[in-house]
């Protein structure tokens, strides 16, 4: 990862963190969790019609989870890169 890419990732992480502090974020999370209840139950209780419906439902659930996890995911990416750089800068004993 280049320095410019890292700076952009840090900026994105900061913006996503700000977003999670907005009152609307919790409204979005609550709404998404509510909307995911029925599809989760359908998948867990074998209530999907067929394989295509299963794939679509689990794909949708995965996408919603990924979107809600973006702030955590991007922050972890920043930390991983910073740790990698620290380790690369440390002299070997």
PDB file of N, CA and C in Angstrom:
ATOM      1  N   UNK A   1       0.855  -1.169   0.000  1.00  0.00           N
ATOM      2  CA  UNK A   1       0.000   0.000   0.000  1.00  0.00           C
ATOM      3  C   UNK A   1       0.901   1.233   0.000  1.00  0.00           C
ATOM      4  N   UNK A   2       0.596   2.160  -0.878  1.00  0.00           N
ATOM      5  CA  UNK A   2       1.395   3.385  -0.945  1.00  0.00           C
ATOM      6  C   UNK A   2       1.007   4.330   0.188  1.00  0.00           C
ATOM      7  N   UNK A   3       1.839   5.352   0.392  1.00  0.00           N
ATOM      8  CA  UNK A   3       1.532   6.352   1.417  1.00  0.00           C
ATOM      9  C   UNK A   3       0.234   7.084   1.092  1.00  0.00           C
ATOM     10  N   UNK A   4       0.028   7.394  -0.179  1.00  0.00           N
ATOM     11  CA  UNK A   4      -1.211   8.075  -0.585  1.00  0.00           C
ATOM     12  C   UNK A   4      -2.438   7.198  -0.319  1.00  0.00           C
ATOM     13  N   UNK A   5      -2.320   5.911  -0.614  1.00  0.00           N
ATOM     14  CA  UNK A   5      -3.438   4.996  -0.352  1.00  0.00           C
ATOM     15  C   UNK A   5      -3.716   4.896   1.142  1.00  0.00           C
ATOM     16  N   UNK A   6      -2.658   4.868   1.945  1.00  0.00           N
ATOM     17  CA  UNK A   6      -2.839   4.817   3.392  1.00  0.00           C
ATOM     18  C   UNK A   6      -3.509   6.087   3.897  1.00  0.00           C
ATOM     19  N   UNK A   7      -3.074   7.245   3.404  1.00  0.00           N
ATOM     20  CA  UNK A   7      -3.707   8.503   3.822  1.00  0.00           C
ATOM     21  C   UNK A   7      -5.191   8.500   3.466  1.00  0.00           C
ATOM     22  N   UNK A   8      -5.512   8.030   2.270  1.00  0.00           N
ATOM     23  CA  UNK A   8      -6.920   7.975   1.846  1.00  0.00           C
ATOM     24  C   UNK A   8      -7.713   7.015   2.735  1.00  0.00           C
ATOM     25  N   UNK A   9      -7.108   5.897   3.083  1.00  0.00           N
ATOM     26  CA  UNK A   9      -7.778   4.919   3.937  1.00  0.00           C
ATOM     27  C   UNK A   9      -7.996   5.486   5.340  1.00  0.00           C
ATOM     28  N   UNK A  10      -7.003   6.203   5.854  1.00  0.00           N
ATOM     29  CA  UNK A  10      -7.144   6.843   7.166  1.00  0.00           C
ATOM     30  C   UNK A  10      -8.270   7.877   7.122  1.00  0.00           C
ATOM     31  N   UNK A  11      -8.352   8.649   6.027  1.00  0.00           N
ATOM     32  CA  UNK A  11      -9.421   9.642   5.878  1.00  0.00           C
ATOM     33  C   UNK A  11     -10.785   8.954   5.837  1.00  0.00           C
ATOM     34  N   UNK A  12     -10.878   7.860   5.084  1.00  0.00           N
ATOM     35  CA  UNK A  12     -12.145   7.123   5.016  1.00  0.00           C
ATOM     36  C   UNK A  12     -12.527   6.584   6.382  1.00  0.00           C
ATOM     37  N   UNK A  13     -11.555   6.066   7.097  1.00  0.00           N
ATOM     38  CA  UNK A  13     -11.811   5.525   8.423  1.00  0.00           C
ATOM     39  C   UNK A  13     -12.334   6.613   9.354  1.00  0.00           C
ATOM     40  N   UNK A  14     -11.723   7.771   9.280  1.00  0.00           N
ATOM     41  CA  UNK A  14     -12.152   8.899  10.104  1.00  0.00           C
ATOM     42  C   UNK A  14     -13.587   9.321   9.763  1.00  0.00           C
ATOM     43  N   UNK A  15     -13.884   9.393   8.486  1.00  0.00           N
ATOM     44  CA  UNK A  15     -15.234   9.782   8.064  1.00  0.00           C
ATOM     45  C   UNK A  15     -16.273   8.752   8.481  1.00  0.00           C
ATOM     46  N   UNK A  16     -15.919   7.478   8.370  1.00  0.00           N
ATOM     47  CA  UNK A  16     -16.847   6.428   8.792  1.00  0.00           C
ATOM     48  C   UNK A  16     -17.062   6.469  10.306  1.00  0.00           C
ATOM     49  N   UNK A  17     -16.011   6.744  11.048  1.00  0.00           N
ATOM     50  CA  UNK A  17     -16.129   6.874  12.502  1.00  0.00           C
ATOM     51  C   UNK A  17     -17.065   8.027  12.860  1.00  0.00           C
ATOM     52  N   UNK A  18     -16.918   9.152  12.163  1.00  0.00           N
ATOM     53  CA  UNK A  18     -17.824  10.285  12.385  1.00  0.00           C
ATOM     54  C   UNK A  18     -19.261   9.888  12.090  1.00  0.00           C
ATOM     55  N   UNK A  19     -19.450   9.139  11.026  1.00  0.00           N
ATOM     56  CA  UNK A  19     -20.784   8.697  10.642  1.00  0.00           C
ATOM     57  C   UNK A  19     -21.432   7.865  11.751  1.00  0.00           C
ATOM     58  N   UNK A  20     -20.651   7.010  12.394  1.00  0.00           N
ATOM     59  CA  UNK A  20     -21.220   6.153  13.439  1.00  0.00           C
ATOM     60  C   UNK A  20     -21.629   6.953  14.672  1.00  0.00           C
ATOM     61  N   UNK A  21     -21.124   8.164  14.811  1.00  0.00           N
ATOM     62  CA  UNK A  21     -21.475   9.000  15.963  1.00  0.00           C
ATOM     63  C   UNK A  21     -22.747   9.810  15.718  1.00  0.00           C
ATOM     64  N   UNK A  22     -23.195   9.838  14.482  1.00  0.00           N
ATOM     65  CA  UNK A  22     -24.421  10.570  14.138  1.00  0.00           C
ATOM     66  C   UNK A  22     -25.621   9.769  14.639  1.00  0.00           C
ATOM     67  N   UNK A  23     -26.634  10.431  15.189  1.00  0.00           N
ATOM     68  CA  UNK A  23     -27.823   9.707  15.677  1.00  0.00           C
ATOM     69  C   UNK A  23     -28.493   8.848  14.601  1.00  0.00           C
ATOM     70  N   UNK A  24     -28.387   9.267  13.365  1.00  0.00           N
ATOM     71  CA  UNK A  24     -28.995   8.507  12.276  1.00  0.00           C
ATOM     72  C   UNK A  24     -28.350   7.153  12.056  1.00  0.00           C
ATOM     73  N   UNK A  25     -27.087   7.006  12.474  1.00  0.00           N
ATOM     74  CA  UNK A  25     -26.406   5.716  12.303  1.00  0.00           C
ATOM     75  C   UNK A  25     -27.132   4.628  13.078  1.00  0.00           C
ATOM     76  N   UNK A  26     -27.468   4.908  14.317  1.00  0.00           N
ATOM     77  CA  UNK A  26     -28.152   3.899  15.130  1.00  0.00           C
ATOM     78  C   UNK A  26     -29.537   3.588  14.570  1.00  0.00           C
ATOM     79  N   UNK A  27     -30.189   4.599  14.018  1.00  0.00           N
ATOM     80  CA  UNK A  27     -31.486   4.373  13.366  1.00  0.00           C
ATOM     81  C   UNK A  27     -31.298   3.407  12.193  1.00  0.00           C
ATOM     82  N   UNK A  28     -30.254   3.631  11.391  1.00  0.00           N
ATOM     83  CA  UNK A  28     -29.963   2.755  10.260  1.00  0.00           C
ATOM     84  C   UNK A  28     -29.658   1.333  10.723  1.00  0.00           C
ATOM     85  N   UNK A  29     -28.830   1.201  11.751  1.00  0.00           N
ATOM     86  CA  UNK A  29     -28.471  -0.124  12.266  1.00  0.00           C
ATOM     87  C   UNK A  29     -29.714  -0.847  12.783  1.00  0.00           C
ATOM     88  N   UNK A  30     -30.535  -0.142  13.548  1.00  0.00           N
ATOM     89  CA  UNK A  30     -31.759  -0.757  14.070  1.00  0.00           C
ATOM     90  C   UNK A  30     -32.686  -1.196  12.938  1.00  0.00           C
ATOM     91  N   UNK A  31     -32.843  -0.337  11.940  1.00  0.00           N
ATOM     92  CA  UNK A  31     -33.703  -0.673  10.808  1.00  0.00           C
ATOM     93  C   UNK A  31     -33.158  -1.890  10.049  1.00  0.00           C
ATOM     94  N   UNK A  32     -31.857  -1.887   9.810  1.00  0.00           N
ATOM     95  CA  UNK A  32     -31.247  -3.009   9.081  1.00  0.00           C
ATOM     96  C   UNK A  32     -31.414  -4.306   9.868  1.00  0.00           C
ATOM     97  N   UNK A  33     -31.180  -4.255  11.166  1.00  0.00           N
ATOM     98  CA  UNK A  33     -31.348  -5.459  11.991  1.00  0.00           C
ATOM     99  C   UNK A  33     -32.787  -5.957  11.957  1.00  0.00           C
ATOM    100  N   UNK A  34     -33.727  -5.020  11.995  1.00  0.00           N
ATOM    101  CA  UNK A  34     -35.143  -5.400  11.921  1.00  0.00           C
ATOM    102  C   UNK A  34     -35.458  -6.053  10.568  1.00  0.00           C
ATOM    103  N   UNK A  35     -34.943  -5.455   9.480  1.00  0.00           N
ATOM    104  CA  UNK A  35     -35.197  -5.999   8.138  1.00  0.00           C
ATOM    105  C   UNK A  35     -34.536  -7.350   7.921  1.00  0.00           C
ATOM    106  N   UNK A  36     -33.481  -7.646   8.669  1.00  0.00           N
ATOM    107  CA  UNK A  36     -32.768  -8.910   8.489  1.00  0.00           C
ATOM    108  C   UNK A  36     -33.397 -10.057   9.280  1.00  0.00           C
ATOM    109  N   UNK A  37     -34.280  -9.764  10.211  1.00  0.00           N
ATOM    110  CA  UNK A  37     -34.847 -10.818  11.061  1.00  0.00           C
ATOM    111  C   UNK A  37     -35.524 -11.927  10.263  1.00  0.00           C
ATOM    112  N   UNK A  38     -36.466 -11.569   9.420  1.00  0.00           N
ATOM    113  CA  UNK A  38     -37.219 -12.585   8.666  1.00  0.00           C
ATOM    114  C   UNK A  38     -36.322 -13.386   7.715  1.00  0.00           C
ATOM    115  N   UNK A  39     -35.456 -12.737   6.935  1.00  0.00           N
ATOM    116  CA  UNK A  39     -34.575 -13.531   6.067  1.00  0.00           C
ATOM    117  C   UNK A  39     -33.647 -14.459   6.861  1.00  0.00           C
ATOM    118  N   UNK A  40     -33.144 -13.994   7.999  1.00  0.00           N
ATOM    119  CA  UNK A  40     -32.291 -14.864   8.827  1.00  0.00           C
ATOM    120  C   UNK A  40     -33.069 -16.096   9.284  1.00  0.00           C
ATOM    121  N   UNK A  41     -34.286 -15.865   9.756  1.00  0.00           N
ATOM    122  CA  UNK A  41     -35.108 -16.987  10.225  1.00  0.00           C
ATOM    123  C   UNK A  41     -35.390 -17.958   9.074  1.00  0.00           C
ATOM    124  N   UNK A  42     -35.663 -17.415   7.903  1.00  0.00           N
ATOM    125  CA  UNK A  42     -35.945 -18.275   6.747  1.00  0.00           C
ATOM    126  C   UNK A  42     -34.737 -19.154   6.426  1.00  0.00           C
ATOM    127  N   UNK A  43     -33.548 -18.570   6.463  1.00  0.00           N
ATOM    128  CA  UNK A  43     -32.337 -19.345   6.166  1.00  0.00           C
ATOM    129  C   UNK A  43     -32.092 -20.381   7.254  1.00  0.00           C
ATOM    130  N   UNK A  44     -32.187 -19.960   8.504  1.00  0.00           N
ATOM    131  CA  UNK A  44     -31.890 -20.864   9.619  1.00  0.00           C
ATOM    132  C   UNK A  44     -32.907 -21.994   9.765  1.00  0.00           C
ATOM    133  N   UNK A  45     -34.149 -21.726   9.380  1.00  0.00           N
ATOM    134  CA  UNK A  45     -35.201 -22.731   9.535  1.00  0.00           C
ATOM    135  C   UNK A  45     -35.549 -23.430   8.223  1.00  0.00           C
ATOM    136  N   UNK A  46     -34.642 -23.364   7.266  1.00  0.00           N
ATOM    137  CA  UNK A  46     -34.838 -23.994   5.956  1.00  0.00           C
ATOM    138  C   UNK A  46     -36.133 -23.524   5.301  1.00  0.00           C
ATOM    139  N   UNK A  47     -36.422 -22.234   5.469  1.00  0.00           N
ATOM    140  CA  UNK A  47     -37.639 -21.676   4.905  1.00  0.00           C
ATOM    141  C   UNK A  47     -37.446 -21.003   3.564  1.00  0.00           C
ATOM    142  N   UNK A  48     -36.316 -21.247   2.932  1.00  0.00           N
ATOM    143  CA  UNK A  48     -36.099 -20.671   1.603  1.00  0.00           C
ATOM    144  C   UNK A  48     -36.670 -21.626   0.559  1.00  0.00           C
ATOM    145  N   UNK A  49     -37.166 -21.064  -0.532  1.00  0.00           N
ATOM    146  CA  UNK A  49     -37.871 -21.842  -1.543  1.00  0.00           C
ATOM    147  C   UNK A  49     -36.975 -22.843  -2.268  1.00  0.00           C
ATOM    148  N   UNK A  50     -35.815 -22.357  -2.678  1.00  0.00           N
ATOM    149  CA  UNK A  50     -34.910 -23.197  -3.454  1.00  0.00           C
ATOM    150  C   UNK A  50     -33.495 -22.647  -3.324  1.00  0.00           C
ATOM    151  N   UNK A  51     -32.577 -23.263  -4.049  1.00  0.00           N
ATOM    152  CA  UNK A  51     -31.171 -22.873  -3.950  1.00  0.00           C
ATOM    153  C   UNK A  51     -30.969 -21.411  -4.373  1.00  0.00           C
ATOM    154  N   UNK A  52     -31.596 -20.982  -5.448  1.00  0.00           N
ATOM    155  CA  UNK A  52     -31.445 -19.602  -5.914  1.00  0.00           C
ATOM    156  C   UNK A  52     -31.923 -18.612  -4.852  1.00  0.00           C
ATOM    157  N   UNK A  53     -33.036 -18.908  -4.213  1.00  0.00           N
ATOM    158  CA  UNK A  53     -33.559 -18.037  -3.159  1.00  0.00           C
ATOM    159  C   UNK A  53     -32.599 -18.013  -1.967  1.00  0.00           C
ATOM    160  N   UNK A  54     -32.032 -19.177  -1.660  1.00  0.00           N
ATOM    161  CA  UNK A  54     -31.047 -19.262  -0.579  1.00  0.00           C
ATOM    162  C   UNK A  54     -29.835 -18.380  -0.888  1.00  0.00           C
ATOM    163  N   UNK A  55     -29.324 -18.484  -2.109  1.00  0.00           N
ATOM    164  CA  UNK A  55     -28.152 -17.711  -2.509  1.00  0.00           C
ATOM    165  C   UNK A  55     -28.460 -16.214  -2.456  1.00  0.00           C
ATOM    166  N   UNK A  56     -29.593 -15.809  -2.985  1.00  0.00           N
ATOM    167  CA  UNK A  56     -29.978 -14.393  -2.970  1.00  0.00           C
ATOM    168  C   UNK A  56     -30.137 -13.886  -1.535  1.00  0.00           C
ATOM    169  N   UNK A  57     -30.787 -14.665  -0.700  1.00  0.00           N
ATOM    170  CA  UNK A  57     -31.033 -14.241   0.683  1.00  0.00           C
ATOM    171  C   UNK A  57     -29.737 -14.139   1.475  1.00  0.00           C
ATOM    172  N   UNK A  58     -28.905 -15.158   1.376  1.00  0.00           N
ATOM    173  CA  UNK A  58     -27.646 -15.114   2.129  1.00  0.00           C
ATOM    174  C   UNK A  58     -26.715 -14.036   1.568  1.00  0.00           C
ATOM    175  N   UNK A  59     -26.763 -13.809   0.282  1.00  0.00           N
ATOM    176  CA  UNK A  59     -25.965 -12.735  -0.310  1.00  0.00           C
ATOM    177  C   UNK A  59     -26.410 -11.374   0.188  1.00  0.00           C
ATOM    178  N   UNK A  60     -27.716 -11.173   0.259  1.00  0.00           N
ATOM    179  CA  UNK A  60     -28.261  -9.918   0.765  1.00  0.00           C
ATOM    180  C   UNK A  60     -27.867  -9.719   2.226  1.00  0.00           C
ATOM    181  N   UNK A  61     -28.024 -10.763   3.034  1.00  0.00           N
ATOM    182  CA  UNK A  61     -27.657 -10.670   4.448  1.00  0.00           C
ATOM    183  C   UNK A  61     -26.169 -10.358   4.608  1.00  0.00           C
ATOM    184  N   UNK A  62     -25.339 -11.016   3.819  1.00  0.00           N
ATOM    185  CA  UNK A  62     -23.903 -10.774   3.872  1.00  0.00           C
ATOM    186  C   UNK A  62     -23.581  -9.324   3.504  1.00  0.00           C
ATOM    187  N   UNK A  63     -24.247  -8.814   2.489  1.00  0.00           N
ATOM    188  CA  UNK A  63     -24.027  -7.431   2.063  1.00  0.00           C
ATOM    189  C   UNK A  63     -24.434  -6.419   3.113  1.00  0.00           C
ATOM    190  N   UNK A  64     -25.567  -6.641   3.751  1.00  0.00           N
ATOM    191  CA  UNK A  64     -26.018  -5.726   4.799  1.00  0.00           C
ATOM    192  C   UNK A  64     -25.036  -5.753   5.971  1.00  0.00           C
ATOM    193  N   UNK A  65     -24.630  -6.950   6.384  1.00  0.00           N
ATOM    194  CA  UNK A  65     -23.646  -7.066   7.472  1.00  0.00           C
ATOM    195  C   UNK A  65     -22.348  -6.354   7.102  1.00  0.00           C
ATOM    196  N   UNK A  66     -21.890  -6.543   5.879  1.00  0.00           N
ATOM    197  CA  UNK A  66     -20.640  -5.911   5.444  1.00  0.00           C
ATOM    198  C   UNK A  66     -20.757  -4.388   5.491  1.00  0.00           C
ATOM    199  N   UNK A  67     -21.893  -3.864   5.031  1.00  0.00           N
ATOM    200  CA  UNK A  67     -22.088  -2.415   5.044  1.00  0.00           C
ATOM    201  C   UNK A  67     -22.091  -1.867   6.469  1.00  0.00           C
ATOM    202  N   UNK A  68     -22.753  -2.566   7.364  1.00  0.00           N
ATOM    203  CA  UNK A  68     -22.801  -2.106   8.754  1.00  0.00           C
ATOM    204  C   UNK A  68     -21.443  -2.242   9.429  1.00  0.00           C
ATOM    205  N   UNK A  69     -20.610  -3.145   8.935  1.00  0.00           N
ATOM    206  CA  UNK A  69     -19.279  -3.360   9.515  1.00  0.00           C
ATOM    207  C   UNK A  69     -18.191  -2.509   8.860  1.00  0.00           C
ATOM    208  N   UNK A  70     -18.535  -1.717   7.841  1.00  0.00           N
ATOM    209  CA  UNK A  70     -17.513  -0.917   7.152  1.00  0.00           C
ATOM    210  C   UNK A  70     -16.656  -0.095   8.113  1.00  0.00           C
ATOM    211  N   UNK A  71     -17.241   0.621   9.081  1.00  0.00           N
ATOM    212  CA  UNK A  71     -16.385   1.409   9.971  1.00  0.00           C
ATOM    213  C   UNK A  71     -15.341   0.557  10.695  1.00  0.00           C
ATOM    214  N   UNK A  72     -15.740  -0.577  11.203  1.00  0.00           N
ATOM    215  CA  UNK A  72     -14.815  -1.470  11.900  1.00  0.00           C
ATOM    216  C   UNK A  72     -13.811  -2.085  10.937  1.00  0.00           C
ATOM    217  N   UNK A  73     -14.281  -2.490   9.776  1.00  0.00           N
ATOM    218  CA  UNK A  73     -13.419  -3.120   8.780  1.00  0.00           C
ATOM    219  C   UNK A  73     -12.322  -2.168   8.298  1.00  0.00           C
ATOM    220  N   UNK A  74     -12.700  -0.943   7.977  1.00  0.00           N
ATOM    221  CA  UNK A  74     -11.724   0.021   7.467  1.00  0.00           C
ATOM    222  C   UNK A  74     -10.741   0.411   8.570  1.00  0.00           C
ATOM    223  N   UNK A  75     -11.218   0.585   9.806  1.00  0.00           N
ATOM    224  CA  UNK A  75     -10.311   0.888  10.922  1.00  0.00           C
ATOM    225  C   UNK A  75      -9.312  -0.245  11.116  1.00  0.00           C
ATOM    226  N   UNK A  76      -9.761  -1.484  10.986  1.00  0.00           N
ATOM    227  CA  UNK A  76      -8.863  -2.632  11.121  1.00  0.00           C
ATOM    228  C   UNK A  76      -7.844  -2.667   9.983  1.00  0.00           C
ATOM    229  N   UNK A  77      -8.249  -2.287   8.780  1.00  0.00           N
ATOM    230  CA  UNK A  77      -7.326  -2.239   7.657  1.00  0.00           C
ATOM    231  C   UNK A  77      -6.218  -1.208   7.915  1.00  0.00           C
ATOM    232  N   UNK A  78      -6.608  -0.054   8.470  1.00  0.00           N
ATOM    233  CA  UNK A  78      -5.623   0.973   8.808  1.00  0.00           C
ATOM    234  C   UNK A  78      -4.645   0.436   9.848  1.00  0.00           C
ATOM    235  N   UNK A  79      -5.175  -0.170  10.913  1.00  0.00           N
ATOM    236  CA  UNK A  79      -4.314  -0.694  11.971  1.00  0.00           C
ATOM    237  C   UNK A  79      -3.367  -1.767  11.451  1.00  0.00           C
ATOM    238  N   UNK A  80      -3.864  -2.641  10.604  1.00  0.00           N
ATOM    239  CA  UNK A  80      -3.038  -3.698  10.036  1.00  0.00           C
ATOM    240  C   UNK A  80      -1.884  -3.108   9.225  1.00  0.00           C
ATOM    241  N   UNK A  81      -2.186  -2.115   8.414  1.00  0.00           N
ATOM    242  CA  UNK A  81      -1.137  -1.496   7.598  1.00  0.00           C
ATOM    243  C   UNK A  81      -0.129  -0.753   8.469  1.00  0.00           C
ATOM    244  N   UNK A  82      -0.609  -0.039   9.489  1.00  0.00           N
ATOM    245  CA  UNK A  82       0.318   0.670  10.370  1.00  0.00           C
ATOM    246  C   UNK A  82       1.219  -0.306  11.123  1.00  0.00           C
ATOM    247  N   UNK A  83       0.656  -1.412  11.575  1.00  0.00           N
ATOM    248  CA  UNK A  83       1.467  -2.435  12.256  1.00  0.00           C
ATOM    249  C   UNK A  83       2.476  -3.055  11.299  1.00  0.00           C
ATOM    250  N   UNK A  84       2.048  -3.323  10.076  1.00  0.00           N
ATOM    251  CA  UNK A  84       2.963  -3.890   9.085  1.00  0.00           C
ATOM    252  C   UNK A  84       4.128  -2.946   8.840  1.00  0.00           C
ATOM    253  N   UNK A  85       3.830  -1.658   8.758  1.00  0.00           N
ATOM    254  CA  UNK A  85       4.890  -0.673   8.530  1.00  0.00           C
ATOM    255  C   UNK A  85       5.821  -0.563   9.732  1.00  0.00           C
ATOM    256  N   UNK A  86       5.245  -0.617  10.946  1.00  0.00           N
ATOM    257  CA  UNK A  86       6.096  -0.578  12.149  1.00  0.00           C
ATOM    258  C   UNK A  86       7.038  -1.768  12.189  1.00  0.00           C
ATOM    259  N   UNK A  87       6.513  -2.935  11.900  1.00  0.00           N
ATOM    260  CA  UNK A  87       7.329  -4.140  11.886  1.00  0.00           C
ATOM    261  C   UNK A  87       8.421  -4.071  10.814  1.00  0.00           C
ATOM    262  N   UNK A  88       8.091  -3.501   9.683  1.00  0.00           N
ATOM    263  CA  UNK A  88       9.067  -3.388   8.601  1.00  0.00           C
ATOM    264  C   UNK A  88      10.171  -2.401   8.976  1.00  0.00           C
ATOM    265  N   UNK A  89       9.842  -1.402   9.804  1.00  0.00           N
ATOM    266  CA  UNK A  89      10.827  -0.405  10.212  1.00  0.00           C
ATOM    267  C   UNK A  89      11.704  -0.854  11.358  1.00  0.00           C
ATOM    268  N   UNK A  90      11.270  -1.875  12.106  1.00  0.00           N
ATOM    269  CA  UNK A  90      12.049  -2.357  13.242  1.00  0.00           C
ATOM    270  C   UNK A  90      13.279  -3.097  12.750  1.00  0.00           C
ATOM    271  N   UNK A  91      14.428  -2.813  13.365  1.00  0.00           N
ATOM    272  CA  UNK A  91      15.632  -3.538  12.959  1.00  0.00           C
ATOM    273  C   UNK A  91      15.574  -4.983  13.468  1.00  0.00           C
ATOM    274  N   UNK A  92      16.122  -5.871  12.670  1.00  0.00           N
ATOM    275  CA  UNK A  92      16.166  -7.275  13.082  1.00  0.00           C
ATOM    276  C   UNK A  92      17.292  -7.458  14.079  1.00  0.00           C
ATOM    277  N   UNK A  93      17.073  -8.304  15.065  1.00  0.00           N
ATOM    278  CA  UNK A  93      18.099  -8.551  16.088  1.00  0.00           C
ATOM    279  C   UNK A  93      19.031  -9.659  15.696  1.00  0.00           C
TER     280      UNK A  93
END
